[in-house]
Amino acid sequence: MRISDLIEEFIKDMLKTDDELEIQRNELAEHFNCVPSQINYVISTRFKPSQGYYVESKRGGGGHITIKKINVTQSNYIMHLINSIGDTLTSNEVDIFISNLLSDEIVTKKEARLLKVATSDNVLRSVPIDIKDSLRANIFKNMLINLVED
């Protein structure tokens, strides 16, 4: 497991007991024996509003970072995700979205497997390369729309 994954898992475990977490960037970096910019990277890439988090950073005088878990419904989460997806998606980007959906318990493992299979390079192998990522984005968005509860 990479250091970024370990830091993310550590923070998410702490958020399981409380929807708001206040951390000292330098202390967390020391705990993981990494540079503080690594903590910034993890927070900026894995704790975004589109992933259900609000992050506030205070500098100076032993500054801290506050991470709040935003309580959203499954339907709101999925609709926000759909709106944040551009016109194209790579296979790797789909994997990241699916991983987030699973970890936030928005989809089941079975639904995640179906999303992954339907958007895989194996399924899209006969599609010309110049439109493959566009088609993948359309398939993924349409499958997500069908997961939204009425």
N, C-alpha and C. Protein backbone atom coordinates (compact mmCIF):
# COMPACT_ATOMS: atom_id res chain seq x y z
N MET A 1 0.85 -1.17 0.00
CA MET A 1 0.00 0.00 0.00
C MET A 1 0.90 1.24 0.00
N ARG A 2 0.56 2.21 -0.82
CA ARG A 2 1.35 3.44 -0.90
C ARG A 2 1.06 4.34 0.29
N ILE A 3 2.01 5.23 0.57
CA ILE A 3 1.88 6.15 1.71
C ILE A 3 0.61 6.99 1.60
N SER A 4 0.27 7.42 0.37
CA SER A 4 -0.95 8.21 0.18
C SER A 4 -2.18 7.42 0.60
N ASP A 5 -2.21 6.14 0.25
CA ASP A 5 -3.34 5.28 0.62
C ASP A 5 -3.42 5.11 2.13
N LEU A 6 -2.25 4.95 2.77
CA LEU A 6 -2.22 4.79 4.22
C LEU A 6 -2.72 6.05 4.94
N ILE A 7 -2.29 7.20 4.45
CA ILE A 7 -2.73 8.47 5.05
C ILE A 7 -4.24 8.64 4.88
N GLU A 8 -4.74 8.35 3.67
CA GLU A 8 -6.18 8.45 3.40
C GLU A 8 -6.96 7.53 4.33
N GLU A 9 -6.51 6.28 4.43
CA GLU A 9 -7.20 5.30 5.28
C GLU A 9 -7.19 5.75 6.74
N PHE A 10 -6.08 6.27 7.20
CA PHE A 10 -5.94 6.75 8.57
C PHE A 10 -6.95 7.87 8.85
N ILE A 11 -7.02 8.84 7.95
CA ILE A 11 -7.94 9.97 8.12
C ILE A 11 -9.39 9.48 8.08
N LYS A 12 -9.71 8.62 7.12
CA LYS A 12 -11.09 8.11 7.01
C LYS A 12 -11.48 7.30 8.24
N ASP A 13 -10.54 6.54 8.81
CA ASP A 13 -10.83 5.79 10.03
C ASP A 13 -11.16 6.74 11.18
N MET A 14 -10.42 7.85 11.25
CA MET A 14 -10.68 8.84 12.30
C MET A 14 -12.03 9.51 12.09
N LEU A 15 -12.44 9.69 10.84
CA LEU A 15 -13.73 10.33 10.54
C LEU A 15 -14.91 9.40 10.80
N LYS A 16 -14.66 8.10 10.97
CA LYS A 16 -15.74 7.16 11.24
C LYS A 16 -16.36 7.40 12.62
N THR A 17 -15.55 7.90 13.55
CA THR A 17 -16.07 8.14 14.90
C THR A 17 -16.67 9.53 15.06
N ASP A 18 -16.30 10.43 14.18
CA ASP A 18 -16.80 11.80 14.25
C ASP A 18 -16.84 12.36 12.83
N ASP A 19 -17.85 13.16 12.50
CA ASP A 19 -17.97 13.72 11.16
C ASP A 19 -17.05 14.91 10.93
N GLU A 20 -16.31 15.31 11.96
CA GLU A 20 -15.38 16.44 11.82
C GLU A 20 -14.07 16.08 12.51
N LEU A 21 -12.98 16.41 11.83
CA LEU A 21 -11.65 16.07 12.32
C LEU A 21 -10.74 17.27 12.18
N GLU A 22 -10.02 17.57 13.21
CA GLU A 22 -9.04 18.65 13.17
C GLU A 22 -7.66 18.02 13.35
N ILE A 23 -6.78 18.23 12.36
CA ILE A 23 -5.46 17.63 12.42
C ILE A 23 -4.37 18.68 12.22
N GLN A 24 -3.23 18.41 12.78
CA GLN A 24 -2.05 19.23 12.56
C GLN A 24 -1.27 18.58 11.42
N ARG A 25 -1.06 19.32 10.35
CA ARG A 25 -0.39 18.78 9.17
C ARG A 25 1.00 18.25 9.53
N ASN A 26 1.77 19.03 10.28
CA ASN A 26 3.13 18.62 10.62
C ASN A 26 3.16 17.38 11.50
N GLU A 27 2.23 17.28 12.43
CA GLU A 27 2.16 16.10 13.30
C GLU A 27 1.81 14.85 12.51
N LEU A 28 0.87 15.00 11.57
CA LEU A 28 0.49 13.86 10.74
C LEU A 28 1.66 13.43 9.84
N ALA A 29 2.36 14.41 9.30
CA ALA A 29 3.53 14.11 8.46
C ALA A 29 4.59 13.38 9.29
N GLU A 30 4.78 13.82 10.52
CA GLU A 30 5.74 13.17 11.41
C GLU A 30 5.31 11.73 11.70
N HIS A 31 4.03 11.55 11.94
CA HIS A 31 3.48 10.21 12.23
C HIS A 31 3.78 9.24 11.08
N PHE A 32 3.64 9.72 9.85
CA PHE A 32 3.86 8.87 8.68
C PHE A 32 5.27 8.99 8.11
N ASN A 33 6.11 9.76 8.79
CA ASN A 33 7.49 9.95 8.35
C ASN A 33 7.55 10.38 6.88
N CYS A 34 6.80 11.44 6.58
CA CYS A 34 6.76 11.98 5.22
C CYS A 34 6.82 13.50 5.29
N VAL A 35 6.91 14.13 4.15
CA VAL A 35 6.93 15.59 4.11
C VAL A 35 5.50 16.12 4.23
N PRO A 36 5.32 17.31 4.82
CA PRO A 36 3.97 17.88 4.97
C PRO A 36 3.24 18.04 3.63
N SER A 37 3.98 18.25 2.55
CA SER A 37 3.31 18.40 1.25
C SER A 37 2.61 17.10 0.84
N GLN A 38 3.06 15.96 1.33
CA GLN A 38 2.39 14.69 1.06
C GLN A 38 1.00 14.69 1.70
N ILE A 39 0.91 15.26 2.90
CA ILE A 39 -0.39 15.38 3.58
C ILE A 39 -1.30 16.29 2.76
N ASN A 40 -0.75 17.42 2.30
CA ASN A 40 -1.53 18.34 1.45
C ASN A 40 -2.04 17.63 0.21
N TYR A 41 -1.18 16.84 -0.43
CA TYR A 41 -1.56 16.11 -1.64
C TYR A 41 -2.75 15.18 -1.36
N VAL A 42 -2.65 14.39 -0.31
CA VAL A 42 -3.72 13.44 0.02
C VAL A 42 -5.02 14.19 0.29
N ILE A 43 -4.96 15.24 1.07
CA ILE A 43 -6.17 15.98 1.42
C ILE A 43 -6.78 16.64 0.19
N SER A 44 -5.94 17.23 -0.66
CA SER A 44 -6.48 17.93 -1.83
C SER A 44 -7.01 17.00 -2.91
N THR A 45 -6.53 15.76 -2.95
CA THR A 45 -6.98 14.84 -4.00
C THR A 45 -8.01 13.83 -3.53
N ARG A 46 -8.07 13.56 -2.24
CA ARG A 46 -8.95 12.50 -1.76
C ARG A 46 -10.04 12.96 -0.80
N PHE A 47 -10.04 14.24 -0.50
CA PHE A 47 -11.04 14.79 0.41
C PHE A 47 -11.64 16.05 -0.19
N LYS A 48 -12.19 15.89 -1.39
CA LYS A 48 -12.78 17.01 -2.13
C LYS A 48 -14.29 17.04 -1.90
N PRO A 49 -14.91 18.18 -2.17
CA PRO A 49 -16.37 18.27 -2.04
C PRO A 49 -17.09 17.20 -2.89
N SER A 50 -16.55 16.91 -4.06
CA SER A 50 -17.19 15.91 -4.92
C SER A 50 -17.14 14.52 -4.30
N GLN A 51 -16.28 14.36 -3.30
CA GLN A 51 -16.16 13.08 -2.61
C GLN A 51 -16.84 13.11 -1.23
N GLY A 52 -17.54 14.23 -0.96
CA GLY A 52 -18.30 14.32 0.28
C GLY A 52 -17.56 14.93 1.46
N TYR A 53 -16.58 15.78 1.19
CA TYR A 53 -15.80 16.39 2.27
C TYR A 53 -15.70 17.90 2.10
N TYR A 54 -15.61 18.58 3.23
CA TYR A 54 -15.33 20.01 3.25
C TYR A 54 -14.03 20.16 4.04
N VAL A 55 -13.06 20.85 3.43
CA VAL A 55 -11.75 21.02 4.06
C VAL A 55 -11.49 22.50 4.29
N GLU A 56 -11.05 22.82 5.49
CA GLU A 56 -10.70 24.19 5.85
C GLU A 56 -9.30 24.16 6.44
N SER A 57 -8.44 25.05 5.95
CA SER A 57 -7.07 25.09 6.40
C SER A 57 -6.79 26.41 7.11
N LYS A 58 -6.19 26.32 8.30
CA LYS A 58 -5.80 27.51 9.05
C LYS A 58 -4.28 27.50 9.18
N ARG A 59 -3.68 28.63 8.85
CA ARG A 59 -2.23 28.72 8.90
C ARG A 59 -1.78 29.55 10.09
N GLY A 60 -0.50 29.38 10.42
CA GLY A 60 0.11 30.18 11.46
C GLY A 60 -0.26 29.73 12.86
N GLY A 61 0.66 29.96 13.81
CA GLY A 61 0.40 29.65 15.21
C GLY A 61 -0.01 28.21 15.43
N GLY A 62 0.70 27.28 14.81
CA GLY A 62 0.33 25.87 14.94
C GLY A 62 -0.93 25.55 14.16
N GLY A 63 -1.01 26.11 12.96
CA GLY A 63 -2.19 25.93 12.11
C GLY A 63 -2.65 24.49 12.00
N HIS A 64 -3.86 24.34 11.59
CA HIS A 64 -4.45 23.00 11.49
C HIS A 64 -5.32 22.89 10.24
N ILE A 65 -5.72 21.68 9.98
CA ILE A 65 -6.62 21.40 8.86
C ILE A 65 -7.87 20.75 9.46
N THR A 66 -9.03 21.28 9.10
CA THR A 66 -10.29 20.69 9.54
C THR A 66 -10.94 20.00 8.35
N ILE A 67 -11.30 18.75 8.54
CA ILE A 67 -11.98 17.97 7.50
C ILE A 67 -13.34 17.59 8.04
N LYS A 68 -14.38 17.93 7.29
CA LYS A 68 -15.75 17.60 7.69
C LYS A 68 -16.36 16.68 6.65
N LYS A 69 -16.98 15.62 7.12
CA LYS A 69 -17.70 14.70 6.25
C LYS A 69 -19.08 15.30 6.02
N ILE A 70 -19.41 15.53 4.76
CA ILE A 70 -20.70 16.10 4.42
C ILE A 70 -21.69 14.96 4.28
N ASN A 71 -22.77 15.04 5.03
CA ASN A 71 -23.79 14.00 4.95
C ASN A 71 -24.71 14.29 3.77
N VAL A 72 -24.60 13.45 2.77
CA VAL A 72 -25.43 13.61 1.59
C VAL A 72 -26.17 12.29 1.32
N THR A 73 -27.29 12.40 0.66
CA THR A 73 -28.01 11.19 0.31
C THR A 73 -27.32 10.50 -0.85
N GLN A 74 -27.63 9.25 -1.04
CA GLN A 74 -27.05 8.50 -2.15
C GLN A 74 -27.37 9.17 -3.48
N SER A 75 -28.59 9.58 -3.65
CA SER A 75 -29.00 10.21 -4.91
C SER A 75 -28.27 11.52 -5.15
N ASN A 76 -28.16 12.35 -4.11
CA ASN A 76 -27.43 13.61 -4.26
C ASN A 76 -25.96 13.37 -4.58
N TYR A 77 -25.39 12.40 -3.92
CA TYR A 77 -23.98 12.05 -4.14
C TYR A 77 -23.77 11.64 -5.60
N ILE A 78 -24.62 10.75 -6.08
CA ILE A 78 -24.48 10.26 -7.45
C ILE A 78 -24.71 11.38 -8.45
N MET A 79 -25.72 12.21 -8.22
CA MET A 79 -25.98 13.31 -9.16
C MET A 79 -24.82 14.31 -9.17
N HIS A 80 -24.25 14.58 -8.02
CA HIS A 80 -23.09 15.46 -7.96
C HIS A 80 -21.91 14.85 -8.71
N LEU A 81 -21.74 13.56 -8.55
CA LEU A 81 -20.67 12.85 -9.26
C LEU A 81 -20.87 12.93 -10.76
N ILE A 82 -22.07 12.67 -11.21
CA ILE A 82 -22.38 12.72 -12.65
C ILE A 82 -22.06 14.11 -13.20
N ASN A 83 -22.46 15.15 -12.45
CA ASN A 83 -22.22 16.52 -12.91
C ASN A 83 -20.74 16.89 -12.90
N SER A 84 -19.95 16.19 -12.12
CA SER A 84 -18.52 16.52 -12.05
C SER A 84 -17.70 15.77 -13.11
N ILE A 85 -18.30 14.80 -13.76
CA ILE A 85 -17.60 14.03 -14.80
C ILE A 85 -17.62 14.81 -16.09
N GLY A 86 -16.47 14.92 -16.71
CA GLY A 86 -16.36 15.64 -17.97
C GLY A 86 -16.88 14.81 -19.14
N ASP A 87 -16.44 15.16 -20.34
CA ASP A 87 -16.88 14.47 -21.55
C ASP A 87 -16.14 13.17 -21.80
N THR A 88 -15.02 12.98 -21.11
CA THR A 88 -14.24 11.75 -21.29
C THR A 88 -13.82 11.20 -19.94
N LEU A 89 -13.60 9.90 -19.91
CA LEU A 89 -13.12 9.22 -18.71
C LEU A 89 -12.17 8.10 -19.13
N THR A 90 -11.01 8.04 -18.49
CA THR A 90 -10.11 6.93 -18.73
C THR A 90 -10.53 5.77 -17.85
N SER A 91 -10.02 4.60 -18.14
CA SER A 91 -10.30 3.43 -17.33
C SER A 91 -9.82 3.64 -15.90
N ASN A 92 -8.67 4.27 -15.75
CA ASN A 92 -8.11 4.55 -14.43
C ASN A 92 -9.01 5.51 -13.64
N GLU A 93 -9.54 6.53 -14.30
CA GLU A 93 -10.43 7.47 -13.62
C GLU A 93 -11.72 6.78 -13.16
N VAL A 94 -12.24 5.89 -13.98
CA VAL A 94 -13.43 5.12 -13.60
C VAL A 94 -13.13 4.29 -12.36
N ASP A 95 -11.95 3.66 -12.34
CA ASP A 95 -11.55 2.85 -11.18
C ASP A 95 -11.54 3.69 -9.90
N ILE A 96 -11.05 4.91 -9.99
CA ILE A 96 -11.00 5.80 -8.83
C ILE A 96 -12.41 6.16 -8.37
N PHE A 97 -13.28 6.51 -9.32
CA PHE A 97 -14.66 6.83 -8.97
C PHE A 97 -15.34 5.63 -8.31
N ILE A 98 -15.15 4.45 -8.87
CA ILE A 98 -15.77 3.24 -8.32
C ILE A 98 -15.24 2.95 -6.92
N SER A 99 -13.95 3.12 -6.74
CA SER A 99 -13.34 2.91 -5.42
C SER A 99 -13.96 3.86 -4.39
N ASN A 100 -14.15 5.13 -4.77
CA ASN A 100 -14.77 6.10 -3.86
C ASN A 100 -16.23 5.74 -3.58
N LEU A 101 -16.95 5.32 -4.61
CA LEU A 101 -18.34 4.93 -4.42
C LEU A 101 -18.45 3.75 -3.46
N LEU A 102 -17.53 2.80 -3.58
CA LEU A 102 -17.53 1.64 -2.69
C LEU A 102 -17.16 2.04 -1.27
N SER A 103 -16.10 2.82 -1.12
CA SER A 103 -15.66 3.18 0.23
C SER A 103 -16.69 4.05 0.95
N ASP A 104 -17.46 4.82 0.21
CA ASP A 104 -18.50 5.65 0.81
C ASP A 104 -19.84 4.89 0.89
N GLU A 105 -19.82 3.62 0.52
CA GLU A 105 -20.98 2.74 0.58
C GLU A 105 -22.17 3.28 -0.20
N ILE A 106 -21.87 3.87 -1.36
CA ILE A 106 -22.91 4.37 -2.26
C ILE A 106 -23.37 3.26 -3.19
N VAL A 107 -22.45 2.36 -3.54
CA VAL A 107 -22.78 1.22 -4.38
C VAL A 107 -22.35 -0.06 -3.67
N THR A 108 -22.98 -1.15 -4.05
CA THR A 108 -22.59 -2.45 -3.53
C THR A 108 -21.41 -2.99 -4.33
N LYS A 109 -20.80 -4.04 -3.85
CA LYS A 109 -19.69 -4.66 -4.59
C LYS A 109 -20.17 -5.18 -5.95
N LYS A 110 -21.38 -5.69 -5.98
CA LYS A 110 -21.93 -6.20 -7.24
C LYS A 110 -22.13 -5.06 -8.23
N GLU A 111 -22.69 -3.94 -7.77
CA GLU A 111 -22.88 -2.78 -8.64
C GLU A 111 -21.54 -2.24 -9.12
N ALA A 112 -20.56 -2.23 -8.23
CA ALA A 112 -19.22 -1.75 -8.60
C ALA A 112 -18.61 -2.63 -9.69
N ARG A 113 -18.78 -3.94 -9.56
CA ARG A 113 -18.25 -4.87 -10.59
C ARG A 113 -18.93 -4.62 -11.93
N LEU A 114 -20.23 -4.39 -11.91
CA LEU A 114 -20.95 -4.12 -13.16
C LEU A 114 -20.50 -2.81 -13.79
N LEU A 115 -20.31 -1.77 -12.97
CA LEU A 115 -19.81 -0.49 -13.49
C LEU A 115 -18.43 -0.68 -14.12
N LYS A 116 -17.58 -1.43 -13.45
CA LYS A 116 -16.22 -1.64 -13.94
C LYS A 116 -16.21 -2.44 -15.24
N VAL A 117 -16.97 -3.51 -15.28
CA VAL A 117 -17.00 -4.36 -16.48
C VAL A 117 -17.56 -3.60 -17.68
N ALA A 118 -18.64 -2.87 -17.47
CA ALA A 118 -19.29 -2.16 -18.58
C ALA A 118 -18.42 -1.07 -19.18
N THR A 119 -17.49 -0.55 -18.39
CA THR A 119 -16.64 0.55 -18.86
C THR A 119 -15.20 0.12 -19.11
N SER A 120 -14.96 -1.19 -19.07
CA SER A 120 -13.59 -1.69 -19.20
C SER A 120 -13.07 -1.59 -20.63
N ASP A 121 -11.75 -1.54 -20.75
CA ASP A 121 -11.12 -1.52 -22.07
C ASP A 121 -11.44 -2.79 -22.84
N ASN A 122 -11.63 -3.89 -22.14
CA ASN A 122 -11.96 -5.15 -22.79
C ASN A 122 -13.30 -5.05 -23.53
N VAL A 123 -14.28 -4.43 -22.92
CA VAL A 123 -15.60 -4.26 -23.54
C VAL A 123 -15.52 -3.26 -24.70
N LEU A 124 -14.68 -2.25 -24.52
CA LEU A 124 -14.59 -1.18 -25.52
C LEU A 124 -13.46 -1.41 -26.53
N ARG A 125 -12.94 -2.62 -26.61
CA ARG A 125 -11.77 -2.88 -27.47
C ARG A 125 -12.01 -2.65 -28.95
N SER A 126 -13.24 -2.80 -29.43
CA SER A 126 -13.50 -2.60 -30.86
C SER A 126 -13.86 -1.14 -31.20
N VAL A 127 -13.90 -0.29 -30.17
CA VAL A 127 -14.24 1.12 -30.35
C VAL A 127 -12.96 1.87 -30.72
N PRO A 128 -13.01 2.74 -31.73
CA PRO A 128 -11.82 3.52 -32.09
C PRO A 128 -11.28 4.31 -30.89
N ILE A 129 -9.97 4.35 -30.77
CA ILE A 129 -9.30 5.00 -29.64
C ILE A 129 -9.74 6.44 -29.44
N ASP A 130 -9.97 7.16 -30.52
CA ASP A 130 -10.31 8.59 -30.39
C ASP A 130 -11.68 8.85 -29.77
N ILE A 131 -12.54 7.84 -29.68
CA ILE A 131 -13.85 8.03 -29.03
C ILE A 131 -14.06 7.12 -27.82
N LYS A 132 -13.08 6.28 -27.51
CA LYS A 132 -13.22 5.30 -26.43
C LYS A 132 -13.52 5.96 -25.08
N ASP A 133 -12.75 6.98 -24.71
CA ASP A 133 -12.94 7.61 -23.40
C ASP A 133 -14.24 8.41 -23.34
N SER A 134 -14.69 8.92 -24.47
CA SER A 134 -15.97 9.63 -24.53
C SER A 134 -17.12 8.65 -24.34
N LEU A 135 -17.05 7.52 -25.02
CA LEU A 135 -18.08 6.49 -24.87
C LEU A 135 -18.09 5.95 -23.45
N ARG A 136 -16.90 5.74 -22.87
CA ARG A 136 -16.80 5.24 -21.50
C ARG A 136 -17.49 6.21 -20.53
N ALA A 137 -17.27 7.52 -20.71
CA ALA A 137 -17.91 8.52 -19.85
C ALA A 137 -19.43 8.45 -19.99
N ASN A 138 -19.92 8.32 -21.22
CA ASN A 138 -21.38 8.24 -21.43
C ASN A 138 -21.97 6.99 -20.79
N ILE A 139 -21.30 5.87 -20.95
CA ILE A 139 -21.79 4.61 -20.34
C ILE A 139 -21.82 4.75 -18.82
N PHE A 140 -20.71 5.25 -18.26
CA PHE A 140 -20.61 5.38 -16.80
C PHE A 140 -21.69 6.31 -16.25
N LYS A 141 -21.87 7.47 -16.89
CA LYS A 141 -22.89 8.42 -16.43
C LYS A 141 -24.28 7.81 -16.51
N ASN A 142 -24.59 7.12 -17.61
CA ASN A 142 -25.92 6.53 -17.75
C ASN A 142 -26.16 5.41 -16.75
N MET A 143 -25.14 4.65 -16.46
CA MET A 143 -25.30 3.60 -15.44
C MET A 143 -25.53 4.23 -14.06
N LEU A 144 -24.79 5.32 -13.77
CA LEU A 144 -24.99 6.01 -12.49
C LEU A 144 -26.38 6.60 -12.38
N ILE A 145 -26.88 7.17 -13.47
CA ILE A 145 -28.24 7.74 -13.47
C ILE A 145 -29.26 6.67 -13.07
N ASN A 146 -29.03 5.45 -13.51
CA ASN A 146 -29.96 4.37 -13.19
C ASN A 146 -29.84 3.89 -11.75
N LEU A 147 -28.80 4.34 -11.04
CA LEU A 147 -28.66 4.01 -9.62
C LEU A 147 -29.35 5.04 -8.73
N VAL A 148 -29.72 6.17 -9.30
CA VAL A 148 -30.38 7.23 -8.52
C VAL A 148 -31.79 6.78 -8.18
N GLU A 149 -32.09 6.88 -6.87
CA GLU A 149 -33.43 6.48 -6.41
C GLU A 149 -34.42 7.58 -6.72
N ASP A 150 -35.63 7.18 -7.02
CA ASP A 150 -36.69 8.15 -7.32
C ASP A 150 -37.09 8.94 -6.11
